[in-house]
Amino acid sequence: MSELLKEKLGYDKTFDCVQCGYCLPACPTYETMEKETHSPRGRINLVKMVAEGKATVEDLKEPIEKCLGCMACTTVCPTNVQYGAIFEGAKEVIDEEDAKSKPRKLVEDFFFQSFFPSSKWMKSLGNATWIYQSSGLQKVSRRFGLTKRAPLHIHEFEAALPSMPSPKKRKDRASRYVRKRPAAAKVGFFTGCIMDSVFFESNQNTMELLLRSGAEVVFPEEQTCCGALHAHSGKIDTSIELAKQNIVAFEEEGFDYIVNNAGGCGARMIEYDALFKSGTEWHARALRFVSKVKDISEVLVEMDGLVFEKELQRTVTYQPSCHLRNVQKVENEPLELIRQIPGLTLKELDRPEFCCGSAGVYNIVNYEDAMDILDVKMKDVCGKNPAGVVTSNPGCLLQMKLGIEREGLSREIDSVHLVDLLMEAEPKPK
């Protein structure tokens, strides 16, 4: 077997796994699928076998494709196995094999090279959805069941989408905001692809929270997709190019923080340094970038500039983003902010570490498996009898809305991003 293949698969890293099994109870797919090959240690063993020529890439494909990439296994691993690097290496090798299929390659090239990195495409998606919602087409489509004919269970996800802002509101957003001088901190805001396209209002609320905390907020115009979807699909080279573009976009103004409000995006950006060889210029630039990357909850707690004045008399639970918790290592800050809201009762989940099944586009390409995982999560949620589920990632937000719909509880429970809940509580500067 070629040394290049071994290097791509992270063969040397597989020896850190001692097959102890500590990862098994932490792995959602092992719990729902009950197969050794669908556990972290099983996948690592398969990677090792492929690298040694004892198994084929085709043998590896299905177990790797079924992995959520939630990184829960890394939080319990006693030998600190670099599962993320092994996982992405396997994805890269599988992607190279699949690229031999020309029709699939053409479709993937459009989405990964043109669609997700393009702010124009993202704005167009948001504007098209606004037209669909505001023109009455959505009501007609639902009345006659037209969306049910769409592929990939699109009708279920469409029902979970929030109301879109008008194209004018998107266009009117400036690239720089400040309320007082001197500002307590200078923040570069990473808007994200899906967040800015589908959850524009949540981005606006994020900015408003930062402003009320005393920060100056800047939207670097040259920023692009974080590259998470590309990396998790094996398109490592494209992911590296996107990382470079973001590093350049954010390094010019000397920001105190580079803030995101999407757990998956933040998890990718906080690992940009791992994309470049140690000692190179790009590695040094990536390290400076990474040192400033923060989730919105971290910054709000650190700045401590808000007091919440409106009582919210209801019970909520918190569904943490896997990548926020397991990769960014942010656990307490969202809970601390939720507890600051007067009148609000927080009931924590029994298994907050268990993935909701969103995982980027996992719930689209592996729908049935994602729903099995979601059912486990919803059992935990329903046991708390909340009026709301607070999340910290767009994929989690849509997935929880879908879970609530599947349980027939849309009139009793809502799903909301943390920043939207905080704004509802009418924060004021201290």
Protein backbone atom coordinates (compact mmCIF):
# COMPACT_ATOMS: atom_id res chain seq x y z
CA MET A 1 0.00 0.00 0.00
CA SER A 2 1.36 3.44 -0.96
CA GLU A 3 2.88 5.70 1.64
CA LEU A 4 0.75 8.57 0.28
CA LEU A 5 -2.45 6.66 1.05
CA LYS A 6 -1.20 5.87 4.54
CA GLU A 7 -0.43 9.52 5.11
CA LYS A 8 -3.86 10.66 3.91
CA LEU A 9 -5.61 8.09 6.10
CA GLY A 10 -3.61 9.13 9.16
CA TYR A 11 -2.28 5.59 9.51
CA ASP A 12 0.29 6.54 12.15
CA LYS A 13 -2.45 8.09 14.28
CA THR A 14 -4.50 4.89 14.32
CA PHE A 15 -1.95 3.24 16.63
CA ASP A 16 -2.96 5.63 19.42
CA CYS A 17 -6.26 3.73 19.62
CA VAL A 18 -5.86 0.83 22.07
CA GLN A 19 -9.36 -0.52 21.32
CA CYS A 20 -10.39 -0.06 24.97
CA GLY A 21 -14.04 0.66 24.20
CA TYR A 22 -14.44 3.83 26.27
CA CYS A 23 -15.81 5.49 23.13
CA LEU A 24 -18.67 3.02 22.70
CA PRO A 25 -21.16 4.50 25.20
CA ALA A 26 -20.40 8.01 23.88
CA CYS A 27 -21.06 7.20 20.22
CA PRO A 28 -24.61 7.91 18.98
CA THR A 29 -24.31 5.71 15.88
CA TYR A 30 -23.01 2.76 17.87
CA GLU A 31 -26.01 3.11 20.20
CA THR A 32 -28.62 3.32 17.45
CA MET A 33 -27.01 1.04 14.83
CA GLU A 34 -25.48 -1.52 17.22
CA LYS A 35 -22.57 -2.39 14.93
CA GLU A 36 -18.89 -2.47 15.88
CA THR A 37 -18.00 -1.04 12.46
CA HIS A 38 -20.15 2.00 13.31
CA SER A 39 -18.22 2.80 16.48
CA PRO A 40 -15.13 5.02 16.66
CA ARG A 41 -12.76 2.14 17.42
CA GLY A 42 -14.35 0.04 14.68
CA ARG A 43 -13.89 2.80 12.12
CA ILE A 44 -10.29 3.37 13.22
CA ASN A 45 -9.58 -0.34 12.83
CA LEU A 46 -11.06 -0.28 9.32
CA VAL A 47 -8.88 2.71 8.41
CA LYS A 48 -5.83 0.78 9.61
CA MET A 49 -6.86 -2.28 7.58
CA VAL A 50 -7.31 -0.20 4.41
CA ALA A 51 -3.91 1.41 4.90
CA GLU A 52 -2.36 -2.06 5.28
CA GLY A 53 -4.12 -3.41 2.19
CA LYS A 54 -6.30 -5.79 4.20
CA ALA A 55 -9.55 -4.02 3.27
CA THR A 56 -10.74 -1.79 0.43
CA VAL A 57 -11.87 1.82 0.37
CA GLU A 58 -15.32 0.47 -0.47
CA ASP A 59 -15.30 -1.48 2.82
CA LEU A 60 -14.57 1.76 4.64
CA LYS A 61 -17.11 3.93 2.85
CA GLU A 62 -20.40 3.03 4.56
CA PRO A 63 -19.10 3.09 8.17
CA ILE A 64 -17.39 6.46 7.61
CA GLU A 65 -20.39 7.96 5.81
CA LYS A 66 -22.58 6.98 8.76
CA CYS A 67 -20.32 8.79 11.25
CA LEU A 68 -21.81 12.04 12.53
CA GLY A 69 -18.42 13.60 13.14
CA CYS A 70 -19.77 14.82 16.50
CA MET A 71 -16.41 14.16 18.20
CA ALA A 72 -18.10 12.89 21.37
CA CYS A 73 -15.60 10.02 21.34
CA THR A 74 -12.69 12.42 21.71
CA THR A 75 -14.03 13.71 25.04
CA VAL A 76 -13.81 10.28 26.69
CA CYS A 77 -10.75 8.81 24.94
CA PRO A 78 -8.02 8.02 27.52
CA THR A 79 -5.23 8.02 24.90
CA ASN A 80 -6.20 11.24 23.12
CA VAL A 81 -6.71 9.63 19.71
CA GLN A 82 -6.92 12.26 16.96
CA TYR A 83 -10.17 10.88 15.63
CA GLY A 84 -11.05 14.08 13.76
CA ALA A 85 -7.87 13.91 11.66
CA ILE A 86 -8.40 10.20 10.94
CA PHE A 87 -12.04 10.81 10.04
CA GLU A 88 -11.26 13.67 7.64
CA GLY A 89 -8.43 11.67 6.07
CA ALA A 90 -10.78 8.76 5.41
CA LYS A 91 -13.32 11.18 3.94
CA GLU A 92 -10.67 12.57 1.60
CA VAL A 93 -9.71 9.11 0.33
CA ILE A 94 -13.37 8.16 -0.16
CA ASP A 95 -14.05 11.44 -1.98
CA GLU A 96 -11.16 10.79 -4.37
CA GLU A 97 -12.62 7.37 -5.14
CA ASP A 98 -16.11 8.80 -5.68
CA ALA A 99 -14.74 11.57 -7.93
CA LYS A 100 -14.36 8.95 -10.62
CA SER A 101 -18.13 9.22 -11.05
CA LYS A 102 -18.41 12.24 -13.36
CA PRO A 103 -22.12 13.12 -12.79
CA ARG A 104 -21.64 13.14 -9.03
CA LYS A 105 -18.46 15.18 -9.36
CA LEU A 106 -20.24 17.87 -11.41
CA VAL A 107 -22.99 18.25 -8.79
CA GLU A 108 -20.54 18.30 -5.87
CA ASP A 109 -18.24 20.77 -7.62
CA PHE A 110 -21.14 23.19 -7.97
CA PHE A 111 -22.20 22.98 -4.32
CA PHE A 112 -18.75 22.94 -2.75
CA GLN A 113 -16.83 25.18 -5.17
CA SER A 114 -19.54 27.68 -6.15
CA PHE A 115 -22.61 27.55 -3.91
CA PHE A 116 -21.49 27.46 -0.26
CA PRO A 117 -18.45 29.77 -0.57
CA SER A 118 -20.48 32.42 -2.40
CA SER A 119 -22.14 35.20 -0.41
CA LYS A 120 -24.14 36.04 -3.54
CA TRP A 121 -25.56 32.52 -3.74
CA MET A 122 -26.34 32.58 -0.01
CA LYS A 123 -28.16 35.91 -0.31
CA SER A 124 -30.03 34.61 -3.34
CA LEU A 125 -31.12 31.56 -1.37
CA GLY A 126 -32.40 33.74 1.45
CA ASN A 127 -34.16 36.14 -0.91
CA ALA A 128 -35.76 33.31 -2.88
CA THR A 129 -37.06 31.82 0.36
CA TRP A 130 -38.47 35.25 1.35
CA ILE A 131 -40.35 35.42 -1.96
CA TYR A 132 -41.62 31.88 -1.45
CA GLN A 133 -42.88 32.76 2.04
CA SER A 134 -44.22 36.27 1.48
CA SER A 135 -45.89 35.71 -1.91
CA GLY A 136 -48.26 33.03 -0.66
CA LEU A 137 -46.49 30.23 -2.55
CA GLN A 138 -45.64 28.53 0.73
CA LYS A 139 -49.27 28.41 1.81
CA VAL A 140 -50.38 27.07 -1.57
CA SER A 141 -47.63 24.50 -1.60
CA ARG A 142 -48.54 23.24 1.85
CA ARG A 143 -52.25 23.23 1.11
CA PHE A 144 -51.86 20.99 -1.93
CA GLY A 145 -48.96 18.98 -0.55
CA LEU A 146 -46.59 20.02 -3.33
CA THR A 147 -43.48 20.02 -1.15
CA LYS A 148 -44.12 16.40 -0.20
CA ARG A 149 -43.18 15.47 -3.75
CA ALA A 150 -39.74 17.01 -3.37
CA PRO A 151 -36.77 14.66 -2.76
CA LEU A 152 -34.64 14.29 0.40
CA HIS A 153 -37.58 14.98 2.75
CA ILE A 154 -37.33 18.66 1.86
CA HIS A 155 -40.92 19.26 2.93
CA GLU A 156 -40.05 18.46 6.54
CA PHE A 157 -37.07 20.80 6.65
CA GLU A 158 -38.98 23.52 4.78
CA ALA A 159 -41.61 23.52 7.51
CA ALA A 160 -38.91 24.24 10.10
CA LEU A 161 -37.49 27.32 8.36
CA PRO A 162 -37.89 30.71 10.11
CA SER A 163 -39.43 33.73 8.41
CA MET A 164 -36.94 35.44 6.09
CA PRO A 165 -36.14 39.16 6.08
CA SER A 166 -36.76 41.19 2.93
CA PRO A 167 -33.97 41.70 0.38
CA LYS A 168 -33.96 45.40 1.35
CA LYS A 169 -33.23 44.58 4.98
CA ARG A 170 -30.31 42.40 3.95
CA LYS A 171 -28.99 45.08 1.62
CA ASP A 172 -29.28 47.84 4.24
CA ARG A 173 -26.96 46.12 6.70
CA ALA A 174 -23.72 48.06 7.04
CA SER A 175 -20.28 46.48 7.43
CA ARG A 176 -19.34 48.39 10.61
CA TYR A 177 -21.27 49.35 13.75
CA VAL A 178 -20.27 51.21 16.92
CA ARG A 179 -22.41 52.89 19.58
CA LYS A 180 -19.85 54.45 21.86
CA ARG A 181 -16.23 55.50 21.83
CA PRO A 182 -13.97 54.13 23.01
CA ALA A 183 -15.41 50.67 22.41
CA ALA A 184 -14.76 48.01 25.04
CA ALA A 185 -13.61 45.60 22.32
CA LYS A 186 -13.26 45.42 18.56
CA VAL A 187 -15.09 42.39 17.17
CA GLY A 188 -14.84 40.82 13.74
CA PHE A 189 -18.12 38.98 13.19
CA PHE A 190 -18.09 35.75 11.19
CA THR A 191 -21.54 35.64 9.62
CA GLY A 192 -21.45 32.08 8.27
CA CYS A 193 -23.14 30.70 5.16
CA ILE A 194 -26.37 29.19 6.46
CA MET A 195 -26.58 31.53 9.45
CA ASP A 196 -26.57 34.63 7.28
CA SER A 197 -28.77 33.12 4.61
CA VAL A 198 -31.44 31.36 6.69
CA PHE A 199 -30.95 32.83 10.17
CA PHE A 200 -30.26 36.45 9.26
CA GLU A 201 -32.25 37.76 12.23
CA SER A 202 -30.16 35.67 14.63
CA ASN A 203 -27.05 37.26 13.15
CA GLN A 204 -28.60 40.68 13.65
CA ASN A 205 -29.39 39.82 17.25
CA THR A 206 -25.81 38.61 17.76
CA MET A 207 -24.52 41.96 16.53
CA GLU A 208 -26.98 43.84 18.75
CA LEU A 209 -25.90 41.91 21.84
CA LEU A 210 -22.27 42.76 21.12
CA LEU A 211 -23.11 46.44 20.59
CA ARG A 212 -25.05 46.65 23.83
CA SER A 213 -22.10 45.01 25.57
CA GLY A 214 -19.98 47.93 24.38
CA ALA A 215 -18.19 46.37 21.39
CA GLU A 216 -17.49 47.75 17.95
CA VAL A 217 -18.68 45.19 15.39
CA VAL A 218 -17.19 44.76 11.92
CA PHE A 219 -18.37 42.45 9.13
CA PRO A 220 -15.27 41.80 6.96
CA GLU A 221 -16.61 41.76 3.41
CA GLU A 222 -14.04 39.27 2.08
CA GLN A 223 -14.95 36.53 4.54
CA THR A 224 -16.24 33.26 3.12
CA CYS A 225 -17.47 29.80 4.13
CA CYS A 226 -15.58 28.31 7.10
CA GLY A 227 -14.89 25.12 5.13
CA ALA A 228 -16.46 22.68 7.61
CA LEU A 229 -18.78 21.03 5.10
CA HIS A 230 -15.89 20.72 2.65
CA ALA A 231 -13.58 19.11 5.18
CA HIS A 232 -16.26 16.71 6.38
CA SER A 233 -16.89 15.72 2.76
CA GLY A 234 -13.24 14.99 2.06
CA LYS A 235 -12.51 18.16 0.08
CA ILE A 236 -9.50 19.14 2.17
CA ASP A 237 -7.76 21.27 -0.47
CA THR A 238 -10.83 23.47 -0.89
CA SER A 239 -11.20 23.74 2.86
CA ILE A 240 -7.61 24.99 3.14
CA GLU A 241 -8.18 27.65 0.49
CA LEU A 242 -11.28 28.88 2.32
CA ALA A 243 -9.32 29.01 5.57
CA LYS A 244 -6.67 31.16 3.91
CA GLN A 245 -9.30 33.56 2.61
CA ASN A 246 -10.83 33.96 6.07
CA ILE A 247 -7.46 34.44 7.73
CA VAL A 248 -6.66 37.25 5.29
CA ALA A 249 -10.11 38.82 5.70
CA PHE A 250 -9.88 39.02 9.49
CA GLU A 251 -6.22 39.80 10.08
CA GLU A 252 -6.14 43.35 8.67
CA GLU A 253 -7.92 45.23 11.49
CA GLY A 254 -6.41 43.76 14.63
CA PHE A 255 -9.60 42.40 16.18
CA ASP A 256 -9.81 41.50 19.86
CA TYR A 257 -12.27 38.73 19.03
CA ILE A 258 -13.40 36.84 15.93
CA VAL A 259 -16.94 35.94 16.94
CA ASN A 260 -19.21 33.24 15.55
CA ASN A 261 -22.63 32.00 16.62
CA ALA A 262 -22.60 28.58 14.92
CA GLY A 263 -20.93 25.72 16.77
CA GLY A 264 -19.89 23.93 13.59
CA CYS A 265 -18.29 27.01 12.05
CA GLY A 266 -16.43 27.89 15.21
CA ALA A 267 -15.13 24.34 15.56
CA ARG A 268 -13.67 24.47 12.07
CA MET A 269 -12.08 27.88 12.48
CA ILE A 270 -10.52 27.07 15.84
CA GLU A 271 -8.59 24.27 14.12
CA TYR A 272 -7.28 26.25 11.14
CA ASP A 273 -3.72 25.94 12.43
CA ALA A 274 -3.88 22.15 11.97
CA LEU A 275 -4.30 22.69 8.21
CA PHE A 276 -0.79 24.07 7.79
CA LYS A 277 2.66 22.68 8.44
CA SER A 278 4.24 23.90 11.67
CA GLY A 279 6.85 26.58 11.14
CA THR A 280 5.36 27.96 7.92
CA GLU A 281 4.05 31.48 7.47
CA TRP A 282 0.49 30.26 7.04
CA HIS A 283 0.72 28.23 10.24
CA ALA A 284 1.82 31.32 12.17
CA ARG A 285 -0.99 33.40 10.65
CA ALA A 286 -3.50 30.65 11.41
CA LEU A 287 -2.36 30.51 15.04
CA ARG A 288 -2.97 34.25 15.43
CA PHE A 289 -6.41 33.82 13.87
CA VAL A 290 -7.30 30.85 16.08
CA SER A 291 -6.28 32.68 19.25
CA LYS A 292 -9.09 35.19 18.66
CA VAL A 293 -11.90 32.81 17.61
CA LYS A 294 -14.69 32.80 20.20
CA ASP A 295 -18.30 31.71 20.39
CA ILE A 296 -20.73 34.54 21.08
CA SER A 297 -21.54 33.10 24.51
CA GLU A 298 -17.86 33.23 25.55
CA VAL A 299 -17.54 36.88 24.56
CA LEU A 300 -20.78 37.98 26.24
CA VAL A 301 -19.75 36.31 29.49
CA GLU A 302 -16.22 37.69 29.30
CA MET A 303 -17.35 41.25 28.53
CA ASP A 304 -20.08 41.01 31.20
CA GLY A 305 -21.77 44.13 29.87
CA LEU A 306 -25.46 43.19 29.93
CA VAL A 307 -28.34 42.98 32.36
CA PHE A 308 -31.63 41.31 31.31
CA GLU A 309 -34.73 43.25 32.32
CA LYS A 310 -37.68 41.25 31.00
CA GLU A 311 -38.94 38.23 32.92
CA LEU A 312 -39.59 35.15 30.79
CA GLN A 313 -41.92 32.95 32.81
CA ARG A 314 -41.34 29.57 31.17
CA THR A 315 -39.23 26.44 31.32
CA VAL A 316 -36.53 25.71 28.77
CA THR A 317 -33.87 23.09 28.20
CA TYR A 318 -30.54 23.52 26.41
CA GLN A 319 -29.33 21.38 23.51
CA PRO A 320 -25.62 22.09 23.07
CA SER A 321 -23.97 21.91 19.68
CA CYS A 322 -21.62 18.90 19.57
CA HIS A 323 -18.90 20.96 17.93
CA LEU A 324 -19.30 23.80 20.40
CA ARG A 325 -19.04 21.40 23.33
CA ASN A 326 -16.62 18.77 22.04
CA VAL A 327 -14.28 20.81 19.84
CA GLN A 328 -14.50 24.41 21.06
CA LYS A 329 -14.84 23.13 24.65
CA VAL A 330 -17.56 25.66 25.44
CA GLU A 331 -20.00 24.19 27.96
CA ASN A 332 -20.79 26.56 30.82
CA GLU A 333 -21.09 29.96 29.13
CA PRO A 334 -24.42 29.35 27.35
CA LEU A 335 -25.88 27.94 30.56
CA GLU A 336 -24.59 30.91 32.54
CA LEU A 337 -26.29 33.33 30.15
CA ILE A 338 -29.57 31.41 30.23
CA ARG A 339 -29.55 31.46 34.03
CA GLN A 340 -29.18 35.27 34.02
CA ILE A 341 -32.64 35.68 32.46
CA PRO A 342 -35.18 36.52 35.20
CA GLY A 343 -38.16 34.24 35.57
CA LEU A 344 -36.73 31.55 33.30
CA THR A 345 -36.47 27.96 34.56
CA LEU A 346 -33.69 25.84 33.06
CA LYS A 347 -33.97 22.06 33.15
CA GLU A 348 -30.81 20.47 31.81
CA LEU A 349 -30.99 17.34 29.67
CA ASP A 350 -29.97 14.00 31.14
CA ARG A 351 -27.66 13.43 28.15
CA PRO A 352 -26.72 16.83 26.74
CA GLU A 353 -23.65 15.28 25.08
CA PHE A 354 -25.80 13.04 22.84
CA CYS A 355 -25.94 14.37 19.25
CA CYS A 356 -29.28 15.53 17.83
CA GLY A 357 -28.47 13.96 14.45
CA SER A 358 -28.10 17.13 12.37
CA ALA A 359 -24.31 17.05 11.82
CA GLY A 360 -24.05 19.41 8.85
CA VAL A 361 -25.94 17.70 6.02
CA TYR A 362 -26.01 14.29 7.72
CA ASN A 363 -29.76 14.52 8.36
CA ILE A 364 -30.31 15.06 4.64
CA VAL A 365 -28.04 12.38 3.18
CA ASN A 366 -28.64 9.86 6.00
CA TYR A 367 -32.21 10.79 6.87
CA GLU A 368 -33.43 7.56 8.48
CA ASP A 369 -30.32 7.16 10.62
CA ALA A 370 -30.52 10.81 11.68
CA MET A 371 -34.16 10.35 12.71
CA ASP A 372 -33.26 7.34 14.88
CA ILE A 373 -30.71 9.51 16.66
CA LEU A 374 -33.17 12.40 16.90
CA ASP A 375 -35.76 10.12 18.50
CA VAL A 376 -33.31 9.37 21.34
CA LYS A 377 -32.69 13.08 21.80
CA MET A 378 -36.40 13.94 21.78
CA LYS A 379 -37.14 11.36 24.48
CA ASP A 380 -34.70 13.26 26.69
CA VAL A 381 -36.21 16.63 25.70
CA CYS A 382 -39.81 15.56 26.28
CA GLY A 383 -38.86 14.22 29.68
CA LYS A 384 -38.14 17.79 30.77
CA ASN A 385 -41.53 19.07 29.58
CA PRO A 386 -40.10 22.41 28.38
CA ALA A 387 -41.77 25.26 26.54
CA GLY A 388 -38.56 25.86 24.58
CA VAL A 389 -35.36 24.20 23.44
CA VAL A 390 -32.38 26.55 23.31
CA THR A 391 -29.64 25.75 20.78
CA SER A 392 -26.33 27.23 19.66
CA ASN A 393 -26.01 26.08 16.05
CA PRO A 394 -28.24 26.46 12.94
CA GLY A 395 -28.26 22.74 12.14
CA CYS A 396 -29.25 21.87 15.70
CA LEU A 397 -31.96 24.53 15.61
CA LEU A 398 -33.60 23.10 12.47
CA GLN A 399 -33.17 19.54 13.71
CA MET A 400 -34.83 20.29 17.03
CA LYS A 401 -37.69 22.05 15.25
CA LEU A 402 -38.07 18.92 13.12
CA GLY A 403 -38.02 16.73 16.23
CA ILE A 404 -40.71 18.85 17.86
CA GLU A 405 -42.85 18.54 14.72
CA ARG A 406 -42.36 14.76 14.65
CA GLU A 407 -43.55 14.57 18.25
CA GLY A 408 -46.63 16.66 17.43
CA LEU A 409 -45.62 19.28 19.99
CA SER A 410 -45.22 22.37 17.81
CA ARG A 411 -47.94 24.21 19.77
CA GLU A 412 -46.32 23.43 23.13
CA ILE A 413 -42.58 23.65 22.40
CA ASP A 414 -40.45 25.97 20.30
CA SER A 415 -36.78 25.83 19.36
CA VAL A 416 -34.75 29.04 19.55
CA HIS A 417 -31.15 30.11 19.11
CA LEU A 418 -29.49 31.33 22.29
CA VAL A 419 -29.00 34.86 20.94
CA ASP A 420 -32.68 35.19 20.06
CA LEU A 421 -33.69 34.11 23.57
CA LEU A 422 -31.29 36.65 25.08
CA MET A 423 -32.69 39.46 22.95
CA GLU A 424 -36.23 38.52 23.95
CA ALA A 425 -35.20 39.15 27.56
CA GLU A 426 -34.50 42.82 26.67
CA PRO A 427 -30.80 43.16 27.54
CA LYS A 428 -29.57 46.59 28.58
CA PRO A 429 -25.99 47.84 29.00
CA LYS A 430 -24.81 47.71 32.60
